C-alpha cells in the first residue's frame, strides 16, 4: 500500500536529488528516487522533482505531507500521470 508516510521520505530525498529525478514505484509497491532514465520497465514514475518545483511546494512538513497524501491517493487509480 502506498501510504503518505512512505512517500514523505521519498519527497524529502527528491528535493535533494539530481534535476531529472523521479519517485519510481514498482508493481509490488516499493519506491525509490532515481534519475528519470533509470526507471525500470515495470515501474511507473509517480512524481518528479520538476513537478515538485513547478508546483512551488514549500519544503515544510505540512506541505510535503499534503503532496504525499495526494500522490498516495493517485497511485491507486488507473492512468496515473503525476510526472511533469
Protein backbone atom coordinates (compact mmCIF):
# COMPACT_ATOMS: atom_id res chain seq x y z
CA UNK A 1 0.00 0.00 0.00
CA UNK A 2 1.22 3.47 -0.85
CA UNK A 3 0.90 5.49 2.31
CA UNK A 4 1.67 9.18 2.70
CA UNK A 5 4.23 8.39 5.40
CA UNK A 6 6.18 6.14 3.00
CA UNK A 7 6.08 8.80 0.31
CA UNK A 8 7.11 11.64 2.62
CA UNK A 9 10.70 10.44 2.94
CA UNK A 10 10.95 9.97 -0.79
CA UNK A 11 9.77 13.55 -1.34
CA UNK A 12 12.46 14.83 1.02
CA UNK A 13 15.05 12.83 -0.94
CA UNK A 14 13.58 14.11 -4.22
CA UNK A 15 14.18 17.72 -3.15
CA UNK A 16 17.91 16.98 -2.88
CA UNK A 17 18.22 14.68 -5.89
CA UNK A 18 19.51 15.39 -9.39
CA UNK A 19 17.42 17.67 -11.58
CA UNK A 20 15.80 14.86 -13.61
CA UNK A 21 14.92 12.72 -10.56
CA UNK A 22 11.60 10.97 -10.07
CA UNK A 23 9.96 8.74 -7.47
CA UNK A 24 9.72 5.37 -9.21
CA UNK A 25 7.13 2.88 -7.95
CA UNK A 26 7.24 -0.84 -8.72
CA UNK A 27 4.13 -3.02 -9.18
CA UNK A 28 4.94 -4.59 -5.79
CA UNK A 29 4.78 -1.16 -4.16
CA UNK A 30 8.45 -0.49 -3.49
CA UNK A 31 9.59 3.06 -4.16
CA UNK A 32 12.90 4.69 -4.95
CA UNK A 33 14.26 8.04 -6.08
CA UNK A 34 16.29 7.78 -9.27
CA UNK A 35 17.08 9.66 -12.48
CA UNK A 36 14.15 9.54 -14.94
CA UNK A 37 16.24 7.47 -17.38
CA UNK A 38 16.72 4.71 -14.79
CA UNK A 39 13.01 3.98 -14.21
CA UNK A 40 12.52 0.28 -14.90
CA UNK A 41 10.12 -1.09 -17.50
CA UNK A 42 7.74 -2.38 -14.82
CA UNK A 43 7.95 0.79 -12.69
CA UNK A 44 5.96 3.99 -13.02
CA UNK A 45 7.34 7.44 -12.38
CA UNK A 46 4.84 8.69 -9.80
CA UNK A 47 6.22 12.17 -9.18
CA UNK A 48 9.14 14.24 -10.41
CA UNK A 49 11.48 16.83 -8.99
CA UNK A 50 10.45 19.07 -11.89
CA UNK A 51 6.81 18.86 -10.80
CA UNK A 52 7.71 19.46 -7.16
CA UNK A 53 9.44 22.69 -8.20
CA UNK A 54 6.77 23.67 -10.75
CA UNK A 55 4.05 23.33 -8.13
CA UNK A 56 6.06 25.62 -5.85
CA UNK A 57 5.89 23.20 -2.93
CA UNK A 58 7.36 24.88 0.13
CA UNK A 59 9.60 22.32 1.87
CA UNK A 60 7.71 22.26 5.16
CA UNK A 61 6.49 19.06 6.80
CA UNK A 62 2.84 20.04 6.30
CA UNK A 63 3.27 20.85 2.60
CA UNK A 64 5.21 17.65 1.91
CA UNK A 65 2.62 15.59 3.79
CA UNK A 66 -0.11 17.15 1.64
CA UNK A 67 1.73 16.24 -1.56
CA UNK A 68 2.42 12.72 -0.24
CA UNK A 69 -1.27 12.23 0.55
CA UNK A 70 -2.24 13.34 -2.95
CA UNK A 71 0.27 11.00 -4.59
CA UNK A 72 -0.83 8.08 -2.39
CA UNK A 73 -4.44 8.67 -3.45
CA UNK A 74 -3.48 8.85 -7.13
CA UNK A 75 -1.34 5.70 -7.05
CA UNK A 76 -4.48 3.63 -6.66
CA UNK A 77 -6.02 4.97 -9.87
CA UNK A 78 -5.51 3.89 -13.46
CA UNK A 79 -3.92 6.45 -15.71
CA UNK A 80 -1.60 7.87 -13.06
CA UNK A 81 0.16 10.90 -14.51
CA UNK A 82 1.90 12.98 -11.88
CA UNK A 83 5.19 13.50 -13.65
CA UNK A 84 5.95 16.82 -15.29
